[in-house]
Amino acid sequence: MTHRQTDKRFNQRECEIIFFTLQRLSRKEVARKLNLSYRTIENKLQSIYEKAGVQNGQQFIDYFCTSGMNQYLPPELLPSGRHVISV
């Protein structure tokens, strides 16, 4: 996994939401993880869906797996003092 975002259309917060959504967390679980409201997650996911040009959850998964963003890992989830090396 890589800690850098792979698509500049998505900001850091959107990449975090994408990551947790791809981990099959519910919107409520994502909201708790990111200390945001459920409604904020709903709004941000709608924006992500529009930017990605997808209509549903399966298209979301397909798009981000195909684009390589399923390899993204939010930096705050990396253990302190560790670095990810891409080969």
PDB file of N, CA and C in Angstrom:
ATOM      1  N   MET A   1       0.841  -1.179   0.000  1.00  0.00           N
ATOM      2  CA  MET A   1       0.000   0.000   0.000  1.00  0.00           C
ATOM      3  C   MET A   1       0.884   1.240   0.000  1.00  0.00           C
ATOM      4  N   THR A   2       0.344   2.300  -0.498  1.00  0.00           N
ATOM      5  CA  THR A   2       1.078   3.546  -0.565  1.00  0.00           C
ATOM      6  C   THR A   2       0.369   4.606   0.264  1.00  0.00           C
ATOM      7  N   HIS A   3       1.134   5.524   0.813  1.00  0.00           N
ATOM      8  CA  HIS A   3       0.509   6.569   1.600  1.00  0.00           C
ATOM      9  C   HIS A   3       0.156   7.784   0.753  1.00  0.00           C
ATOM     10  N   ARG A   4       0.593   7.839  -0.486  1.00  0.00           N
ATOM     11  CA  ARG A   4       0.289   9.010  -1.317  1.00  0.00           C
ATOM     12  C   ARG A   4      -1.014   8.796  -2.070  1.00  0.00           C
ATOM     13  N   GLN A   5      -1.724   9.912  -2.273  1.00  0.00           N
ATOM     14  CA  GLN A   5      -2.948   9.780  -3.044  1.00  0.00           C
ATOM     15  C   GLN A   5      -2.578   9.653  -4.513  1.00  0.00           C
ATOM     16  N   THR A   6      -3.357   8.924  -5.267  1.00  0.00           N
ATOM     17  CA  THR A   6      -3.003   8.624  -6.643  1.00  0.00           C
ATOM     18  C   THR A   6      -3.828   9.390  -7.666  1.00  0.00           C
ATOM     19  N   ASP A   7      -4.804  10.137  -7.232  1.00  0.00           N
ATOM     20  CA  ASP A   7      -5.659  10.893  -8.147  1.00  0.00           C
ATOM     21  C   ASP A   7      -5.862  12.278  -7.562  1.00  0.00           C
ATOM     22  N   LYS A   8      -5.318  13.274  -8.231  1.00  0.00           N
ATOM     23  CA  LYS A   8      -5.329  14.645  -7.708  1.00  0.00           C
ATOM     24  C   LYS A   8      -6.714  15.276  -7.682  1.00  0.00           C
ATOM     25  N   ARG A   9      -7.715  14.626  -8.270  1.00  0.00           N
ATOM     26  CA  ARG A   9      -9.080  15.166  -8.214  1.00  0.00           C
ATOM     27  C   ARG A   9      -9.661  15.060  -6.814  1.00  0.00           C
ATOM     28  N   PHE A  10      -9.106  14.185  -6.004  1.00  0.00           N
ATOM     29  CA  PHE A  10      -9.633  13.930  -4.674  1.00  0.00           C
ATOM     30  C   PHE A  10      -8.686  14.502  -3.624  1.00  0.00           C
ATOM     31  N   ASN A  11      -9.244  15.277  -2.696  1.00  0.00           N
ATOM     32  CA  ASN A  11      -8.412  15.854  -1.637  1.00  0.00           C
ATOM     33  C   ASN A  11      -8.122  14.797  -0.563  1.00  0.00           C
ATOM     34  N   GLN A  12      -7.330  15.196   0.418  1.00  0.00           N
ATOM     35  CA  GLN A  12      -6.908  14.263   1.458  1.00  0.00           C
ATOM     36  C   GLN A  12      -8.099  13.637   2.188  1.00  0.00           C
ATOM     37  N   ARG A  13      -9.071  14.454   2.583  1.00  0.00           N
ATOM     38  CA  ARG A  13     -10.240  13.949   3.312  1.00  0.00           C
ATOM     39  C   ARG A  13     -11.038  12.979   2.442  1.00  0.00           C
ATOM     40  N   GLU A  14     -11.206  13.305   1.161  1.00  0.00           N
ATOM     41  CA  GLU A  14     -11.931  12.410   0.257  1.00  0.00           C
ATOM     42  C   GLU A  14     -11.188  11.086   0.112  1.00  0.00           C
ATOM     43  N   CYS A  15      -9.860  11.134   0.066  1.00  0.00           N
ATOM     44  CA  CYS A  15      -9.077   9.893  -0.024  1.00  0.00           C
ATOM     45  C   CYS A  15      -9.267   9.031   1.221  1.00  0.00           C
ATOM     46  N   GLU A  16      -9.372   9.673   2.377  1.00  0.00           N
ATOM     47  CA  GLU A  16      -9.626   8.922   3.607  1.00  0.00           C
ATOM     48  C   GLU A  16     -11.000   8.262   3.558  1.00  0.00           C
ATOM     49  N   ILE A  17     -11.992   8.997   3.079  1.00  0.00           N
ATOM     50  CA  ILE A  17     -13.346   8.448   2.966  1.00  0.00           C
ATOM     51  C   ILE A  17     -13.367   7.299   1.968  1.00  0.00           C
ATOM     52  N   ILE A  18     -12.677   7.462   0.855  1.00  0.00           N
ATOM     53  CA  ILE A  18     -12.575   6.392  -0.140  1.00  0.00           C
ATOM     54  C   ILE A  18     -11.933   5.155   0.498  1.00  0.00           C
ATOM     55  N   PHE A  19     -10.838   5.358   1.227  1.00  0.00           N
ATOM     56  CA  PHE A  19     -10.149   4.246   1.873  1.00  0.00           C
ATOM     57  C   PHE A  19     -11.093   3.469   2.788  1.00  0.00           C
ATOM     58  N   PHE A  20     -11.766   4.177   3.698  1.00  0.00           N
ATOM     59  CA  PHE A  20     -12.631   3.490   4.654  1.00  0.00           C
ATOM     60  C   PHE A  20     -13.838   2.854   3.975  1.00  0.00           C
ATOM     61  N   THR A  21     -14.337   3.485   2.935  1.00  0.00           N
ATOM     62  CA  THR A  21     -15.464   2.916   2.189  1.00  0.00           C
ATOM     63  C   THR A  21     -15.035   1.629   1.485  1.00  0.00           C
ATOM     64  N   LEU A  22     -13.830   1.633   0.919  1.00  0.00           N
ATOM     65  CA  LEU A  22     -13.325   0.411   0.277  1.00  0.00           C
ATOM     66  C   LEU A  22     -13.054  -0.699   1.285  1.00  0.00           C
ATOM     67  N   GLN A  23     -12.883  -0.331   2.563  1.00  0.00           N
ATOM     68  CA  GLN A  23     -12.697  -1.329   3.622  1.00  0.00           C
ATOM     69  C   GLN A  23     -14.043  -1.868   4.103  1.00  0.00           C
ATOM     70  N   ARG A  24     -15.118  -1.446   3.428  1.00  0.00           N
ATOM     71  CA  ARG A  24     -16.493  -1.906   3.700  1.00  0.00           C
ATOM     72  C   ARG A  24     -17.059  -1.364   5.013  1.00  0.00           C
ATOM     73  N   LEU A  25     -16.541  -0.224   5.478  1.00  0.00           N
ATOM     74  CA  LEU A  25     -17.134   0.410   6.643  1.00  0.00           C
ATOM     75  C   LEU A  25     -18.416   1.113   6.211  1.00  0.00           C
ATOM     76  N   SER A  26     -19.395   1.128   7.079  1.00  0.00           N
ATOM     77  CA  SER A  26     -20.634   1.854   6.780  1.00  0.00           C
ATOM     78  C   SER A  26     -20.356   3.351   6.849  1.00  0.00           C
ATOM     79  N   ARG A  27     -21.284   4.124   6.331  1.00  0.00           N
ATOM     80  CA  ARG A  27     -21.126   5.577   6.386  1.00  0.00           C
ATOM     81  C   ARG A  27     -21.051   6.068   7.834  1.00  0.00           C
ATOM     82  N   LYS A  28     -21.815   5.456   8.707  1.00  0.00           N
ATOM     83  CA  LYS A  28     -21.778   5.833  10.126  1.00  0.00           C
ATOM     84  C   LYS A  28     -20.427   5.489  10.750  1.00  0.00           C
ATOM     85  N   GLU A  29     -19.872   4.346  10.380  1.00  0.00           N
ATOM     86  CA  GLU A  29     -18.553   3.963  10.897  1.00  0.00           C
ATOM     87  C   GLU A  29     -17.469   4.906  10.377  1.00  0.00           C
ATOM     88  N   VAL A  30     -17.565   5.288   9.100  1.00  0.00           N
ATOM     89  CA  VAL A  30     -16.607   6.235   8.529  1.00  0.00           C
ATOM     90  C   VAL A  30     -16.707   7.564   9.277  1.00  0.00           C
ATOM     91  N   ALA A  31     -17.913   8.019   9.522  1.00  0.00           N
ATOM     92  CA  ALA A  31     -18.122   9.275  10.243  1.00  0.00           C
ATOM     93  C   ALA A  31     -17.460   9.221  11.623  1.00  0.00           C
ATOM     94  N   ARG A  32     -17.628   8.120  12.324  1.00  0.00           N
ATOM     95  CA  ARG A  32     -17.011   7.967  13.648  1.00  0.00           C
ATOM     96  C   ARG A  32     -15.488   7.975  13.559  1.00  0.00           C
ATOM     97  N   LYS A  33     -14.950   7.238  12.586  1.00  0.00           N
ATOM     98  CA  LYS A  33     -13.487   7.161  12.419  1.00  0.00           C
ATOM     99  C   LYS A  33     -12.880   8.534  12.166  1.00  0.00           C
ATOM    100  N   LEU A  34     -13.595   9.359  11.381  1.00  0.00           N
ATOM    101  CA  LEU A  34     -13.051  10.653  10.972  1.00  0.00           C
ATOM    102  C   LEU A  34     -13.581  11.811  11.812  1.00  0.00           C
ATOM    103  N   ASN A  35     -14.336  11.491  12.854  1.00  0.00           N
ATOM    104  CA  ASN A  35     -14.920  12.527  13.714  1.00  0.00           C
ATOM    105  C   ASN A  35     -15.716  13.555  12.920  1.00  0.00           C
ATOM    106  N   LEU A  36     -16.527  13.050  12.003  1.00  0.00           N
ATOM    107  CA  LEU A  36     -17.406  13.884  11.188  1.00  0.00           C
ATOM    108  C   LEU A  36     -18.838  13.394  11.366  1.00  0.00           C
ATOM    109  N   SER A  37     -19.779  14.205  10.948  1.00  0.00           N
ATOM    110  CA  SER A  37     -21.169  13.773  11.027  1.00  0.00           C
ATOM    111  C   SER A  37     -21.484  12.815   9.884  1.00  0.00           C
ATOM    112  N   TYR A  38     -22.485  12.009  10.114  1.00  0.00           N
ATOM    113  CA  TYR A  38     -22.974  11.089   9.082  1.00  0.00           C
ATOM    114  C   TYR A  38     -23.349  11.875   7.832  1.00  0.00           C
ATOM    115  N   ARG A  39     -24.013  13.003   8.013  1.00  0.00           N
ATOM    116  CA  ARG A  39     -24.456  13.836   6.884  1.00  0.00           C
ATOM    117  C   ARG A  39     -23.267  14.368   6.081  1.00  0.00           C
ATOM    118  N   THR A  40     -22.191  14.735   6.764  1.00  0.00           N
ATOM    119  CA  THR A  40     -20.985  15.201   6.076  1.00  0.00           C
ATOM    120  C   THR A  40     -20.419  14.088   5.198  1.00  0.00           C
ATOM    121  N   ILE A  41     -20.382  12.876   5.730  1.00  0.00           N
ATOM    122  CA  ILE A  41     -19.895  11.738   4.947  1.00  0.00           C
ATOM    123  C   ILE A  41     -20.792  11.522   3.734  1.00  0.00           C
ATOM    124  N   GLU A  42     -22.108  11.589   3.932  1.00  0.00           N
ATOM    125  CA  GLU A  42     -23.054  11.449   2.812  1.00  0.00           C
ATOM    126  C   GLU A  42     -22.755  12.480   1.720  1.00  0.00           C
ATOM    127  N   ASN A  43     -22.574  13.737   2.123  1.00  0.00           N
ATOM    128  CA  ASN A  43     -22.312  14.809   1.153  1.00  0.00           C
ATOM    129  C   ASN A  43     -20.986  14.605   0.436  1.00  0.00           C
ATOM    130  N   LYS A  44     -19.959  14.227   1.185  1.00  0.00           N
ATOM    131  CA  LYS A  44     -18.649  14.014   0.569  1.00  0.00           C
ATOM    132  C   LYS A  44     -18.670  12.808  -0.370  1.00  0.00           C
ATOM    133  N   LEU A  45     -19.378  11.755   0.011  1.00  0.00           N
ATOM    134  CA  LEU A  45     -19.482  10.594  -0.877  1.00  0.00           C
ATOM    135  C   LEU A  45     -20.221  10.952  -2.164  1.00  0.00           C
ATOM    136  N   GLN A  46     -21.240  11.783  -2.057  1.00  0.00           N
ATOM    137  CA  GLN A  46     -21.951  12.210  -3.263  1.00  0.00           C
ATOM    138  C   GLN A  46     -20.994  12.954  -4.193  1.00  0.00           C
ATOM    139  N   SER A  47     -20.168  13.821  -3.638  1.00  0.00           N
ATOM    140  CA  SER A  47     -19.180  14.547  -4.426  1.00  0.00           C
ATOM    141  C   SER A  47     -18.159  13.589  -5.054  1.00  0.00           C
ATOM    142  N   ILE A  48     -17.714  12.603  -4.283  1.00  0.00           N
ATOM    143  CA  ILE A  48     -16.754  11.610  -4.785  1.00  0.00           C
ATOM    144  C   ILE A  48     -17.383  10.820  -5.936  1.00  0.00           C
ATOM    145  N   TYR A  49     -18.628  10.389  -5.768  1.00  0.00           N
ATOM    146  CA  TYR A  49     -19.323   9.651  -6.826  1.00  0.00           C
ATOM    147  C   TYR A  49     -19.380  10.490  -8.098  1.00  0.00           C
ATOM    148  N   GLU A  50     -19.695  11.784  -7.970  1.00  0.00           N
ATOM    149  CA  GLU A  50     -19.776  12.664  -9.139  1.00  0.00           C
ATOM    150  C   GLU A  50     -18.419  12.811  -9.813  1.00  0.00           C
ATOM    151  N   LYS A  51     -17.365  13.056  -9.026  1.00  0.00           N
ATOM    152  CA  LYS A  51     -16.019  13.201  -9.593  1.00  0.00           C
ATOM    153  C   LYS A  51     -15.575  11.929 -10.309  1.00  0.00           C
ATOM    154  N   ALA A  52     -15.925  10.776  -9.742  1.00  0.00           N
ATOM    155  CA  ALA A  52     -15.517   9.493 -10.321  1.00  0.00           C
ATOM    156  C   ALA A  52     -16.437   9.050 -11.455  1.00  0.00           C
ATOM    157  N   GLY A  53     -17.611   9.664 -11.546  1.00  0.00           N
ATOM    158  CA  GLY A  53     -18.560   9.289 -12.598  1.00  0.00           C
ATOM    159  C   GLY A  53     -19.204   7.938 -12.341  1.00  0.00           C
ATOM    160  N   VAL A  54     -19.442   7.629 -11.070  1.00  0.00           N
ATOM    161  CA  VAL A  54     -20.069   6.351 -10.728  1.00  0.00           C
ATOM    162  C   VAL A  54     -21.453   6.592 -10.143  1.00  0.00           C
ATOM    163  N   GLN A  55     -22.291   5.550 -10.208  1.00  0.00           N
ATOM    164  CA  GLN A  55     -23.679   5.674  -9.777  1.00  0.00           C
ATOM    165  C   GLN A  55     -24.031   4.848  -8.551  1.00  0.00           C
ATOM    166  N   ASN A  56     -23.223   3.831  -8.250  1.00  0.00           N
ATOM    167  CA  ASN A  56     -23.578   2.939  -7.141  1.00  0.00           C
ATOM    168  C   ASN A  56     -22.321   2.361  -6.496  1.00  0.00           C
ATOM    169  N   GLY A  57     -22.545   1.609  -5.430  1.00  0.00           N
ATOM    170  CA  GLY A  57     -21.437   1.058  -4.660  1.00  0.00           C
ATOM    171  C   GLY A  57     -20.523   0.138  -5.449  1.00  0.00           C
ATOM    172  N   GLN A  58     -21.084  -0.698  -6.305  1.00  0.00           N
ATOM    173  CA  GLN A  58     -20.244  -1.608  -7.083  1.00  0.00           C
ATOM    174  C   GLN A  58     -19.392  -0.842  -8.091  1.00  0.00           C
ATOM    175  N   GLN A  59     -19.962   0.156  -8.732  1.00  0.00           N
ATOM    176  CA  GLN A  59     -19.185   0.986  -9.656  1.00  0.00           C
ATOM    177  C   GLN A  59     -18.079   1.731  -8.904  1.00  0.00           C
ATOM    178  N   PHE A  60     -18.383   2.178  -7.682  1.00  0.00           N
ATOM    179  CA  PHE A  60     -17.402   2.844  -6.824  1.00  0.00           C
ATOM    180  C   PHE A  60     -16.210   1.914  -6.597  1.00  0.00           C
ATOM    181  N   ILE A  61     -16.491   0.692  -6.166  1.00  0.00           N
ATOM    182  CA  ILE A  61     -15.434  -0.285  -5.907  1.00  0.00           C
ATOM    183  C   ILE A  61     -14.642  -0.571  -7.182  1.00  0.00           C
ATOM    184  N   ASP A  62     -15.341  -0.825  -8.279  1.00  0.00           N
ATOM    185  CA  ASP A  62     -14.668  -1.115  -9.549  1.00  0.00           C
ATOM    186  C   ASP A  62     -13.768   0.040  -9.980  1.00  0.00           C
ATOM    187  N   TYR A  63     -14.291   1.259  -9.889  1.00  0.00           N
ATOM    188  CA  TYR A  63     -13.536   2.441 -10.318  1.00  0.00           C
ATOM    189  C   TYR A  63     -12.246   2.585  -9.510  1.00  0.00           C
ATOM    190  N   PHE A  64     -12.361   2.531  -8.184  1.00  0.00           N
ATOM    191  CA  PHE A  64     -11.181   2.787  -7.361  1.00  0.00           C
ATOM    192  C   PHE A  64     -10.203   1.618  -7.349  1.00  0.00           C
ATOM    193  N   CYS A  65     -10.676   0.412  -7.591  1.00  0.00           N
ATOM    194  CA  CYS A  65      -9.752  -0.719  -7.730  1.00  0.00           C
ATOM    195  C   CYS A  65      -9.011  -0.633  -9.062  1.00  0.00           C
ATOM    196  N   THR A  66      -9.725  -0.274 -10.122  1.00  0.00           N
ATOM    197  CA  THR A  66      -9.109  -0.133 -11.443  1.00  0.00           C
ATOM    198  C   THR A  66      -8.111   1.021 -11.476  1.00  0.00           C
ATOM    199  N   SER A  67      -8.446   2.115 -10.787  1.00  0.00           N
ATOM    200  CA  SER A  67      -7.583   3.301 -10.801  1.00  0.00           C
ATOM    201  C   SER A  67      -6.342   3.138  -9.930  1.00  0.00           C
ATOM    202  N   GLY A  68      -6.331   2.119  -9.079  1.00  0.00           N
ATOM    203  CA  GLY A  68      -5.202   1.907  -8.182  1.00  0.00           C
ATOM    204  C   GLY A  68      -5.342   2.602  -6.846  1.00  0.00           C
ATOM    205  N   MET A  69      -6.426   3.354  -6.659  1.00  0.00           N
ATOM    206  CA  MET A  69      -6.598   4.058  -5.388  1.00  0.00           C
ATOM    207  C   MET A  69      -6.934   3.116  -4.248  1.00  0.00           C
ATOM    208  N   ASN A  70      -7.224   1.861  -4.556  1.00  0.00           N
ATOM    209  CA  ASN A  70      -7.429   0.884  -3.478  1.00  0.00           C
ATOM    210  C   ASN A  70      -6.101   0.574  -2.775  1.00  0.00           C
ATOM    211  N   GLN A  71      -5.002   1.071  -3.320  1.00  0.00           N
ATOM    212  CA  GLN A  71      -3.683   0.901  -2.704  1.00  0.00           C
ATOM    213  C   GLN A  71      -3.333   2.040  -1.756  1.00  0.00           C
ATOM    214  N   TYR A  72      -4.185   3.071  -1.705  1.00  0.00           N
ATOM    215  CA  TYR A  72      -3.932   4.234  -0.856  1.00  0.00           C
ATOM    216  C   TYR A  72      -4.106   3.873   0.620  1.00  0.00           C
ATOM    217  N   LEU A  73      -3.198   4.376   1.446  1.00  0.00           N
ATOM    218  CA  LEU A  73      -3.283   4.189   2.893  1.00  0.00           C
ATOM    219  C   LEU A  73      -3.117   5.558   3.548  1.00  0.00           C
ATOM    220  N   PRO A  74      -4.110   6.018   4.296  1.00  0.00           N
ATOM    221  CA  PRO A  74      -3.978   7.320   4.957  1.00  0.00           C
ATOM    222  C   PRO A  74      -2.724   7.354   5.836  1.00  0.00           C
ATOM    223  N   PRO A  75      -1.940   8.426   5.730  1.00  0.00           N
ATOM    224  CA  PRO A  75      -0.677   8.515   6.484  1.00  0.00           C
ATOM    225  C   PRO A  75      -0.850   8.320   7.989  1.00  0.00           C
ATOM    226  N   GLU A  76      -1.972   8.766   8.552  1.00  0.00           N
ATOM    227  CA  GLU A  76      -2.155   8.644   9.999  1.00  0.00           C
ATOM    228  C   GLU A  76      -2.344   7.190  10.439  1.00  0.00           C
ATOM    229  N   LEU A  77      -2.557   6.288   9.498  1.00  0.00           N
ATOM    230  CA  LEU A  77      -2.684   4.866   9.845  1.00  0.00           C
ATOM    231  C   LEU A  77      -1.340   4.143   9.824  1.00  0.00           C
ATOM    232  N   LEU A  78      -0.301   4.813   9.320  1.00  0.00           N
ATOM    233  CA  LEU A  78       1.028   4.219   9.326  1.00  0.00           C
ATOM    234  C   LEU A  78       1.618   4.309  10.730  1.00  0.00           C
ATOM    235  N   PRO A  79       2.249   3.254  11.193  1.00  0.00           N
ATOM    236  CA  PRO A  79       2.905   3.330  12.505  1.00  0.00           C
ATOM    237  C   PRO A  79       3.971   4.427  12.486  1.00  0.00           C
ATOM    238  N   SER A  80       4.107   5.124  13.582  1.00  0.00           N
ATOM    239  CA  SER A  80       5.078   6.207  13.695  1.00  0.00           C
ATOM    240  C   SER A  80       6.494   5.685  13.431  1.00  0.00           C
ATOM    241  N   GLY A  81       7.239   6.441  12.652  1.00  0.00           N
ATOM    242  CA  GLY A  81       8.616   6.065  12.361  1.00  0.00           C
ATOM    243  C   GLY A  81       8.781   5.055  11.258  1.00  0.00           C
ATOM    244  N   ARG A  82       7.691   4.682  10.615  1.00  0.00           N
ATOM    245  CA  ARG A  82       7.766   3.700   9.525  1.00  0.00           C
ATOM    246  C   ARG A  82       7.523   4.398   8.200  1.00  0.00           C
ATOM    247  N   HIS A  83       8.099   3.853   7.161  1.00  0.00           N
ATOM    248  CA  HIS A  83       7.938   4.400   5.825  1.00  0.00           C
ATOM    249  C   HIS A  83       7.494   3.297   4.875  1.00  0.00           C
ATOM    250  N   VAL A  84       6.669   3.676   3.937  1.00  0.00           N
ATOM    251  CA  VAL A  84       6.234   2.727   2.918  1.00  0.00           C
ATOM    252  C   VAL A  84       7.135   2.904   1.716  1.00  0.00           C
ATOM    253  N   ILE A  85       7.654   1.805   1.215  1.00  0.00           N
ATOM    254  CA  ILE A  85       8.511   1.833   0.046  1.00  0.00           C
ATOM    255  C   ILE A  85       7.792   1.122  -1.086  1.00  0.00           C
ATOM    256  N   SER A  86       7.594   1.840  -2.190  1.00  0.00           N
ATOM    257  CA  SER A  86       6.977   1.232  -3.356  1.00  0.00           C
ATOM    258  C   SER A  86       8.051   0.571  -4.192  1.00  0.00           C
ATOM    259  N   VAL A  87       7.774  -0.644  -4.679  1.00  0.00           N
ATOM    260  CA  VAL A  87       8.727  -1.349  -5.545  1.00  0.00           C
ATOM    261  C   VAL A  87       8.093  -1.629  -6.874  1.00  0.00           C
TER     262      VAL A  87
END
